[in-house]
C-alpha atoms as a PDB file:
ATOM      1  CA  MET A   1       2.041   7.830   9.912  1.00  0.00           C
ATOM      2  CA  LYS A   2       1.575  11.532  11.156  1.00  0.00           C
ATOM      3  CA  LYS A   3      -0.881  13.378   9.350  1.00  0.00           C
ATOM      4  CA  PHE A   4       0.191  16.406   7.215  1.00  0.00           C
ATOM      5  CA  PRO A   5      -1.969  19.748   6.518  1.00  0.00           C
ATOM      6  CA  ILE A   6      -2.732  18.529   2.857  1.00  0.00           C
ATOM      7  CA  SER A   7      -5.796  17.710   1.308  1.00  0.00           C
ATOM      8  CA  VAL A   8      -5.442  15.677  -1.602  1.00  0.00           C
ATOM      9  CA  CYS A   9      -8.288  16.111  -4.231  1.00  0.00           C
ATOM     10  CA  MET A  10      -9.124  14.001  -7.201  1.00  0.00           C
ATOM     11  CA  VAL A  11     -12.081  14.093 -10.037  1.00  0.00           C
ATOM     12  CA  ALA A  12     -13.358  10.491 -11.071  1.00  0.00           C
ATOM     13  CA  GLY A  13     -15.241   9.432 -13.411  1.00  0.00           C
ATOM     14  CA  ALA A  14     -15.674   4.808 -13.603  1.00  0.00           C
ATOM     15  CA  GLU A  15     -12.246   4.306 -12.146  1.00  0.00           C
ATOM     16  CA  ALA A  16     -12.963   1.286  -9.972  1.00  0.00           C
ATOM     17  CA  HIS A  17     -10.375  -0.674 -11.347  1.00  0.00           C
ATOM     18  CA  ARG A  18      -7.269   1.394 -10.985  1.00  0.00           C
ATOM     19  CA  ILE A  19      -8.334   4.578  -8.104  1.00  0.00           C
ATOM     20  CA  GLU A  20      -7.320   2.423  -5.272  1.00  0.00           C
ATOM     21  CA  GLY A  21      -3.653   2.482  -5.946  1.00  0.00           C
ATOM     22  CA  ALA A  22      -3.871   6.782  -6.310  1.00  0.00           C
ATOM     23  CA  LEU A  23      -5.740   6.470  -2.830  1.00  0.00           C
ATOM     24  CA  LYS A  24      -3.735   3.863  -1.228  1.00  0.00           C
ATOM     25  CA  SER A  25      -0.671   6.283  -1.715  1.00  0.00           C
ATOM     26  CA  VAL A  26      -1.615   9.101   0.237  1.00  0.00           C
ATOM     27  CA  ALA A  27      -4.186   7.572   2.662  1.00  0.00           C
ATOM     28  CA  GLY A  28      -1.947   7.337   5.173  1.00  0.00           C
ATOM     29  CA  TRP A  29      -0.498  10.652   5.470  1.00  0.00           C
ATOM     30  CA  ALA A  30      -2.670  12.985   3.683  1.00  0.00           C
ATOM     31  CA  GLY A  31      -5.043  15.280   6.361  1.00  0.00           C
ATOM     32  CA  GLU A  32      -7.886  15.195   4.133  1.00  0.00           C
ATOM     33  CA  ILE A  33      -9.105  13.102   0.599  1.00  0.00           C
ATOM     34  CA  VAL A  34     -11.829  14.651  -1.457  1.00  0.00           C
ATOM     35  CA  VAL A  35     -13.170  12.827  -4.525  1.00  0.00           C
ATOM     36  CA  VAL A  36     -15.969  14.191  -6.964  1.00  0.00           C
ATOM     37  CA  VAL A  37     -17.457  11.365  -8.762  1.00  0.00           C
ATOM     38  CA  ASN A  38     -19.172  12.102 -11.638  1.00  0.00           C
ATOM     39  CA  ASP A  39     -23.059  11.313 -11.204  1.00  0.00           C
ATOM     40  CA  HIS A  40     -23.699   8.606 -13.830  1.00  0.00           C
ATOM     41  CA  VAL A  41     -20.978   6.673 -12.325  1.00  0.00           C
ATOM     42  CA  THR A  42     -22.097   2.839 -11.377  1.00  0.00           C
ATOM     43  CA  ASP A  43     -18.995   0.836 -10.721  1.00  0.00           C
ATOM     44  CA  GLY A  44     -18.544   1.342  -7.272  1.00  0.00           C
ATOM     45  CA  THR A  45     -15.830   4.159  -7.529  1.00  0.00           C
ATOM     46  CA  ASP A  46     -17.358   5.960  -4.823  1.00  0.00           C
ATOM     47  CA  ALA A  47     -17.468   2.948  -2.259  1.00  0.00           C
ATOM     48  CA  ILE A  48     -13.536   2.689  -2.647  1.00  0.00           C
ATOM     49  CA  ALA A  49     -13.092   6.328  -1.833  1.00  0.00           C
ATOM     50  CA  LEU A  50     -15.152   5.951   1.473  1.00  0.00           C
ATOM     51  CA  LYS A  51     -13.176   3.155   2.418  1.00  0.00           C
ATOM     52  CA  TYR A  52      -9.863   5.011   1.778  1.00  0.00           C
ATOM     53  CA  GLY A  53     -11.884   7.565   4.290  1.00  0.00           C
ATOM     54  CA  ALA A  54     -12.216  10.437   1.602  1.00  0.00           C
ATOM     55  CA  LYS A  55     -15.025  13.081   1.466  1.00  0.00           C
ATOM     56  CA  VAL A  56     -17.117  11.789  -1.562  1.00  0.00           C
ATOM     57  CA  PHE A  57     -19.333  14.227  -3.710  1.00  0.00           C
ATOM     58  CA  ARG A  58     -21.320  13.433  -6.652  1.00  0.00           C
ATOM     59  CA  GLU A  59     -21.481  16.013  -9.232  1.00  0.00           C
ATOM     60  CA  PRO A  60     -22.717  15.910 -13.121  1.00  0.00           C
ATOM     61  CA  TRP A  61     -19.537  15.994 -15.405  1.00  0.00           C
ATOM     62  CA  ARG A  62     -19.174  19.683 -17.009  1.00  0.00           C
ATOM     63  CA  GLY A  63     -15.507  19.536 -18.140  1.00  0.00           C
ATOM     64  CA  HIS A  64     -12.159  18.865 -16.462  1.00  0.00           C
ATOM     65  CA  LEU A  65     -11.528  22.621 -15.736  1.00  0.00           C
ATOM     66  CA  VAL A  66     -14.734  22.886 -13.796  1.00  0.00           C
ATOM     67  CA  GLY A  67     -14.396  19.403 -12.311  1.00  0.00           C
ATOM     68  CA  LYS A  68     -10.816  19.812 -10.881  1.00  0.00           C
ATOM     69  CA  GLN A  69     -11.769  23.511  -9.550  1.00  0.00           C
ATOM     70  CA  SER A  70     -15.201  22.312  -7.855  1.00  0.00           C
ATOM     71  CA  THR A  71     -13.044  19.679  -5.936  1.00  0.00           C
ATOM     72  CA  SER A  72     -10.311  22.191  -5.096  1.00  0.00           C
ATOM     73  CA  ASP A  73     -12.595  24.301  -3.563  1.00  0.00           C
ATOM     74  CA  LYS A  74     -13.735  21.576  -1.214  1.00  0.00           C
ATOM     75  CA  CYS A  75     -10.478  21.471   0.238  1.00  0.00           C
ATOM     76  CA  SER A  76     -10.105  22.538   4.149  1.00  0.00           C
ATOM     77  CA  GLN A  77      -6.293  22.033   4.548  1.00  0.00           C
ATOM     78  CA  PRO A  78      -3.436  24.685   4.296  1.00  0.00           C
ATOM     79  CA  TRP A  79      -2.032  22.683   1.076  1.00  0.00           C
ATOM     80  CA  ILE A  80      -3.602  21.174  -1.663  1.00  0.00           C
ATOM     81  CA  LEU A  81      -2.485  18.029  -3.940  1.00  0.00           C
ATOM     82  CA  CYS A  82      -4.253  17.302  -6.884  1.00  0.00           C
ATOM     83  CA  LEU A  83      -4.360  13.733  -8.506  1.00  0.00           C
ATOM     84  CA  ASP A  84      -5.730  11.772 -11.285  1.00  0.00           C
ATOM     85  CA  ALA A  85      -7.508   8.589 -10.418  1.00  0.00           C
ATOM     86  CA  ASP A  86      -4.438   6.795 -12.847  1.00  0.00           C
ATOM     87  CA  GLU A  87      -1.383   8.281 -10.572  1.00  0.00           C
ATOM     88  CA  VAL A  88       0.501   7.431  -7.537  1.00  0.00           C
ATOM     89  CA  VAL A  89       2.621   9.346  -5.120  1.00  0.00           C
ATOM     90  CA  SER A  90       5.809   7.030  -4.908  1.00  0.00           C
ATOM     91  CA  PRO A  91       7.275   6.711  -1.778  1.00  0.00           C
ATOM     92  CA  GLU A  92       9.986   8.951  -2.397  1.00  0.00           C
ATOM     93  CA  LEU A  93       7.663  11.974  -3.607  1.00  0.00           C
ATOM     94  CA  ARG A  94       5.654  11.288  -0.405  1.00  0.00           C
ATOM     95  CA  ASP A  95       9.026  11.619   1.705  1.00  0.00           C
ATOM     96  CA  GLU A  96       9.952  14.793  -0.110  1.00  0.00           C
ATOM     97  CA  ILE A  97       6.436  16.370   0.486  1.00  0.00           C
ATOM     98  CA  GLN A  98       6.581  15.518   3.753  1.00  0.00           C
ATOM     99  CA  ALA A  99      10.114  16.921   4.689  1.00  0.00           C
ATOM    100  CA  LEU A 100       8.624  20.253   2.700  1.00  0.00           C
ATOM    101  CA  MET A 101       5.865  20.290   5.503  1.00  0.00           C
ATOM    102  CA  GLU A 102       7.881  19.521   8.198  1.00  0.00           C
ATOM    103  CA  SER A 103      10.286  22.443   7.092  1.00  0.00           C
ATOM    104  CA  ALA A 104      10.369  25.943   8.992  1.00  0.00           C
ATOM    105  CA  ALA A 105       9.681  27.440   5.512  1.00  0.00           C
ATOM    106  CA  THR A 106       7.976  26.706   2.673  1.00  0.00           C
ATOM    107  CA  PRO A 107       8.919  29.838   0.325  1.00  0.00           C
ATOM    108  CA  HIS A 108       7.052  29.024  -2.781  1.00  0.00           C
ATOM    109  CA  ALA A 109       3.401  29.250  -3.205  1.00  0.00           C
ATOM    110  CA  ALA A 110       3.139  25.957  -5.066  1.00  0.00           C
ATOM    111  CA  TYR A 111       5.379  23.171  -6.943  1.00  0.00           C
ATOM    112  CA  GLU A 112       5.813  21.272  -9.660  1.00  0.00           C
ATOM    113  CA  PHE A 113       7.419  17.440 -10.196  1.00  0.00           C
ATOM    114  CA  PRO A 114       8.313  15.036 -12.916  1.00  0.00           C
ATOM    115  CA  ARG A 115       5.504  12.574 -13.883  1.00  0.00           C
ATOM    116  CA  CYS A 116       6.826   9.240 -14.857  1.00  0.00           C
ATOM    117  CA  THR A 117       4.755   7.060 -17.060  1.00  0.00           C
ATOM    118  CA  PHE A 118       4.122   3.235 -16.996  1.00  0.00           C
ATOM    119  CA  TYR A 119       3.912   2.066 -20.652  1.00  0.00           C
ATOM    120  CA  CYS A 120       3.664  -1.303 -22.284  1.00  0.00           C
ATOM    121  CA  GLY A 121       5.845  -2.963 -19.479  1.00  0.00           C
ATOM    122  CA  ARG A 122       8.296  -0.105 -18.943  1.00  0.00           C
ATOM    123  CA  TRP A 123       8.754   2.911 -17.213  1.00  0.00           C
ATOM    124  CA  ILE A 124       9.386   5.735 -19.769  1.00  0.00           C
ATOM    125  CA  ARG A 125      12.211   8.202 -19.046  1.00  0.00           C
ATOM    126  CA  HIS A 126      12.977   9.889 -22.161  1.00  0.00           C
ATOM    127  CA  GLY A 127      11.362  11.450 -25.061  1.00  0.00           C
ATOM    128  CA  ASP A 128       8.386  13.580 -25.065  1.00  0.00           C
ATOM    129  CA  TRP A 129       7.007  12.152 -21.679  1.00  0.00           C
ATOM    130  CA  TYR A 130       9.585  12.419 -19.307  1.00  0.00           C
ATOM    131  CA  PRO A 131       9.978  14.429 -16.867  1.00  0.00           C
ATOM    132  CA  ASP A 132       6.859  16.127 -17.925  1.00  0.00           C
ATOM    133  CA  ARG A 133       6.701  17.853 -15.011  1.00  0.00           C
ATOM    134  CA  VAL A 134       3.265  18.676 -13.322  1.00  0.00           C
ATOM    135  CA  ARG A 135       1.970  21.606 -11.069  1.00  0.00           C
ATOM    136  CA  ARG A 136      -0.218  19.880  -8.467  1.00  0.00           C
ATOM    137  CA  LEU A 137       0.628  20.699  -4.905  1.00  0.00           C
ATOM    138  CA  TRP A 138      -0.237  24.524  -3.789  1.00  0.00           C
ATOM    139  CA  GLN A 139      -1.041  26.318  -0.645  1.00  0.00           C
ATOM    140  CA  ARG A 140      -4.731  26.961  -0.868  1.00  0.00           C
ATOM    141  CA  GLY A 141      -6.016  30.131  -2.088  1.00  0.00           C
ATOM    142  CA  THR A 142      -3.028  30.642  -4.355  1.00  0.00           C
ATOM    143  CA  GLY A 143      -4.092  28.787  -7.115  1.00  0.00           C
ATOM    144  CA  SER A 144      -7.000  28.253 -10.115  1.00  0.00           C
ATOM    145  CA  TRP A 145      -7.739  25.933 -12.746  1.00  0.00           C
ATOM    146  CA  THR A 146      -7.325  27.313 -16.104  1.00  0.00           C
ATOM    147  CA  GLY A 147      -6.147  25.938 -19.559  1.00  0.00           C
ATOM    148  CA  GLU A 148      -8.286  24.283 -22.496  1.00  0.00           C
ATOM    149  CA  GLU A 149      -9.980  21.129 -22.498  1.00  0.00           C
ATOM    150  CA  PRO A 150      -9.286  18.958 -22.123  1.00  0.00           C
ATOM    151  CA  HIS A 151      -5.554  20.106 -20.568  1.00  0.00           C
ATOM    152  CA  ALA A 152      -6.442  21.543 -17.561  1.00  0.00           C
ATOM    153  CA  ARG A 153      -3.490  23.959 -16.080  1.00  0.00           C
ATOM    154  CA  LEU A 154      -3.024  25.373 -12.489  1.00  0.00           C
ATOM    155  CA  ALA A 155      -2.373  28.932 -12.752  1.00  0.00           C
ATOM    156  CA  VAL A 156      -0.562  30.454  -9.576  1.00  0.00           C
ATOM    157  CA  LYS A 157      -0.208  33.777  -7.813  1.00  0.00           C
ATOM    158  CA  GLY A 158       3.420  33.791  -6.329  1.00  0.00           C
ATOM    159  CA  THR A 159       6.711  31.296  -7.349  1.00  0.00           C
ATOM    160  CA  VAL A 160       6.755  27.724  -8.052  1.00  0.00           C
ATOM    161  CA  GLY A 161       9.125  25.627  -6.633  1.00  0.00           C
ATOM    162  CA  LYS A 162      10.737  22.296  -7.966  1.00  0.00           C
ATOM    163  CA  LEU A 163      10.616  18.794  -6.369  1.00  0.00           C
ATOM    164  CA  ARG A 164      12.984  15.664  -7.797  1.00  0.00           C
ATOM    165  CA  ALA A 165      10.633  12.813  -6.858  1.00  0.00           C
ATOM    166  CA  ASP A 166       8.359  11.113  -9.591  1.00  0.00           C
ATOM    167  CA  LEU A 167       4.603  11.071  -9.807  1.00  0.00           C
ATOM    168  CA  LEU A 168       4.032   7.688 -11.360  1.00  0.00           C
ATOM    169  CA  HIS A 169       1.751   7.368 -14.059  1.00  0.00           C
ATOM    170  CA  PHE A 170      -0.608   4.878 -15.208  1.00  0.00           C
ATOM    171  CA  SER A 171      -2.352   6.353 -18.176  1.00  0.00           C
ATOM    172  CA  ASN A 172      -2.624   3.812 -20.976  1.00  0.00           C
ATOM    173  CA  GLU A 173      -3.762   0.207 -20.116  1.00  0.00           C
ATOM    174  CA  HIS A 174      -2.896  -0.724 -23.542  1.00  0.00           C
ATOM    175  CA  ILE A 175      -2.065   1.116 -27.202  1.00  0.00           C
ATOM    176  CA  GLY A 176      -5.678   0.754 -28.514  1.00  0.00           C
ATOM    177  CA  ARG A 177      -7.116   3.038 -25.690  1.00  0.00           C
ATOM    178  CA  GLN A 178      -4.325   5.620 -26.203  1.00  0.00           C
ATOM    179  CA  ILE A 179      -5.122   5.849 -30.269  1.00  0.00           C
ATOM    180  CA  ALA A 180      -9.059   5.782 -29.219  1.00  0.00           C
ATOM    181  CA  LYS A 181      -7.881   9.442 -27.085  1.00  0.00           C
ATOM    182  CA  ILE A 182      -6.157  11.150 -30.111  1.00  0.00           C
ATOM    183  CA  ALA A 183      -9.114  12.846 -31.970  1.00  0.00           C
ATOM    184  CA  PRO A 184     -11.120  13.780 -28.726  1.00  0.00           C
ATOM    185  CA  TYR A 185      -8.221  15.341 -27.379  1.00  0.00           C
ATOM    186  CA  HIS A 186      -7.802  17.451 -30.592  1.00  0.00           C
ATOM    187  CA  ALA A 187     -11.465  18.869 -30.727  1.00  0.00           C
ATOM    188  CA  GLU A 188     -10.875  21.919 -28.847  1.00  0.00           C
ATOM    189  CA  PHE A 189      -7.868  22.920 -30.884  1.00  0.00           C
ATOM    190  CA  VAL A 190      -9.665  22.338 -34.266  1.00  0.00           C
ATOM    191  CA  ARG A 191     -12.596  24.194 -33.049  1.00  0.00           C
ATOM    192  CA  LYS A 192     -10.375  27.442 -32.140  1.00  0.00           C
ATOM    193  CA  ARG A 193      -8.086  26.801 -35.330  1.00  0.00           C
ATOM    194  CA  VAL A 194     -11.587  26.374 -37.819  1.00  0.00           C
ATOM    195  CA  ALA A 195     -12.531  29.720 -36.087  1.00  0.00           C
ATOM    196  CA  SER A 196      -9.705  31.398 -36.628  1.00  0.00           C
ATOM    197  CA  GLY A 197      -9.797  31.009 -40.256  1.00  0.00           C
ATOM    198  CA  ARG A 198      -6.084  30.323 -40.449  1.00  0.00           C
ATOM    199  CA  PRO A 199      -5.343  28.013 -43.415  1.00  0.00           C
ATOM    200  CA  VAL A 200      -3.532  24.779 -42.474  1.00  0.00           C
ATOM    201  CA  GLY A 201      -0.618  24.192 -45.205  1.00  0.00           C
ATOM    202  CA  TRP A 202       1.982  21.659 -45.971  1.00  0.00           C
ATOM    203  CA  VAL A 203       4.317  22.827 -43.440  1.00  0.00           C
ATOM    204  CA  GLU A 204       2.330  22.406 -40.779  1.00  0.00           C
ATOM    205  CA  LEU A 205       0.772  18.862 -42.297  1.00  0.00           C
ATOM    206  CA  GLY A 206       4.293  17.565 -43.481  1.00  0.00           C
ATOM    207  CA  PHE A 207       6.888  19.114 -41.479  1.00  0.00           C
ATOM    208  CA  ARG A 208       5.813  19.508 -37.747  1.00  0.00           C
ATOM    209  CA  PRO A 209       5.027  15.820 -37.567  1.00  0.00           C
ATOM    210  CA  VAL A 210       8.684  15.136 -39.067  1.00  0.00           C
ATOM    211  CA  TRP A 211       9.784  17.366 -36.368  1.00  0.00           C
ATOM    212  CA  ARG A 212       8.081  16.097 -33.901  1.00  0.00           C
ATOM    213  CA  PHE A 213       9.383  12.716 -34.550  1.00  0.00           C
ATOM    214  CA  LEU A 214      13.113  13.834 -34.383  1.00  0.00           C
ATOM    215  CA  ARG A 215      12.888  15.646 -31.535  1.00  0.00           C
ATOM    216  CA  ALA A 216      11.271  13.196 -29.273  1.00  0.00           C
ATOM    217  CA  TYR A 217      13.316  10.090 -30.485  1.00  0.00           C
ATOM    218  CA  PHE A 218      16.943  11.582 -31.341  1.00  0.00           C
ATOM    219  CA  LEU A 219      17.224  15.035 -29.114  1.00  0.00           C
ATOM    220  CA  ARG A 220      15.281  13.540 -26.313  1.00  0.00           C
ATOM    221  CA  TYR A 221      16.846  10.539 -26.657  1.00  0.00           C
ATOM    222  CA  GLY A 222      13.845   8.253 -27.141  1.00  0.00           C
ATOM    223  CA  PHE A 223      15.355   5.765 -28.016  1.00  0.00           C
ATOM    224  CA  LEU A 224      17.081   4.720 -25.240  1.00  0.00           C
ATOM    225  CA  ASP A 225      13.354   3.575 -24.102  1.00  0.00           C
ATOM    226  CA  GLY A 226      13.308   0.640 -26.945  1.00  0.00           C
ATOM    227  CA  TRP A 227      10.426  -0.028 -29.256  1.00  0.00           C
ATOM    228  CA  ARG A 228       8.370   1.793 -27.076  1.00  0.00           C
ATOM    229  CA  GLY A 229      10.285   5.061 -27.184  1.00  0.00           C
ATOM    230  CA  PHE A 230      10.118   4.168 -31.131  1.00  0.00           C
ATOM    231  CA  TYR A 231       6.363   4.091 -31.349  1.00  0.00           C
ATOM    232  CA  ILE A 232       5.671   7.094 -28.671  1.00  0.00           C
ATOM    233  CA  ALA A 233       7.400   9.163 -31.025  1.00  0.00           C
ATOM    234  CA  ALA A 234       6.342   8.168 -34.455  1.00  0.00           C
ATOM    235  CA  LEU A 235       2.728   8.258 -32.446  1.00  0.00           C
ATOM    236  CA  SER A 236       3.475  11.842 -31.319  1.00  0.00           C
ATOM    237  CA  ALA A 237       4.075  12.775 -35.135  1.00  0.00           C
ATOM    238  CA  PHE A 238       0.756  10.923 -36.310  1.00  0.00           C
ATOM    239  CA  SER A 239      -1.110  12.571 -33.454  1.00  0.00           C
ATOM    240  CA  THR A 240       0.314  15.897 -35.001  1.00  0.00           C
ATOM    241  CA  ALA A 241      -0.231  15.190 -38.306  1.00  0.00           C
ATOM    242  CA  THR A 242      -3.832  14.068 -37.027  1.00  0.00           C
ATOM    243  CA  ARG A 243      -4.388  17.108 -35.386  1.00  0.00           C
ATOM    244  CA  TYR A 244      -3.994  19.640 -38.542  1.00  0.00           C
ATOM    245  CA  ALA A 245      -5.559  16.735 -41.135  1.00  0.00           C
ATOM    246  CA  LEU A 246      -8.761  17.238 -38.696  1.00  0.00           C
ATOM    247  CA  VAL A 247      -8.515  21.142 -39.022  1.00  0.00           C
ATOM    248  CA  ARG A 248      -7.887  20.834 -43.011  1.00  0.00           C
ATOM    249  CA  GLU A 249     -11.068  18.361 -43.296  1.00  0.00           C
ATOM    250  CA  ALA A 250     -13.012  20.682 -41.043  1.00  0.00           C
ATOM    251  CA  GLN A 251     -12.127  23.677 -43.362  1.00  0.00           C
ATOM    252  CA  VAL A 252     -12.864  22.211 -46.588  1.00  0.00           C
ATOM    253  CA  ASN A 253     -16.306  20.896 -45.309  1.00  0.00           C
ATOM    254  CA  HIS A 254     -17.393  24.358 -43.851  1.00  0.00           C
ATOM    255  CA  ARG A 255     -16.833  26.175 -47.417  1.00  0.00           C
ATOM    256  CA  ASP A 256     -19.866  26.587 -49.723  1.00  0.00           C
ATOM    257  CA  PRO A 257     -20.070  23.874 -51.950  1.00  0.00           C
ATOM    258  CA  PRO A 258     -18.851  24.900 -55.784  1.00  0.00           C
END
């Protein structure tokens, strides 16, 4: 298969159990693959990346934003495509990207596309999880990583176009793993909210979670995904309630005792 002027970059922890799918989906056509592996990883993730011709670097873990910027800076091709170890470029998305590379003009500095998640044996195509557009393809020199941990966001100098095909997402092997991520993912939000001094009221603790469920399950047609759609909407409500409850708990703990 013809190689295209794209560097695929990834930051990986202990991902030997699933990184091969991501690498296999790009190895045949990407001009370069760059993988930064956390220096404490010993499960063979780096060996798998090398098997697919990747340039592998070992670095200490410094957070998602720094990690993604570090691997992006190591890319040499005119275009950069950023993937996570649990993501796979579908054949349809690959063909769409290749058509873009072959066109006479690429009018945008970056492109975004929908991400479709496989969850509990089913592709989720409604609710809060779809289309879940992610901005991952950009011209080298036009983008930089920003946002708040752990949610890195690509800021781009220039316009952003849209592709139609899906990036495939295999993020949660089981429900327990998903639940375990709730509190750590809220840590930065809690820290900033406590620092702001703004109290959490019943509107945030009571109304927001209910609204999140109604929006995901009814307004965004989550019910069409069966019991998984119901559970995702319920978990979204629970996650929202937990986020504000954690803020309330932290604010109470920071008060002087009576």
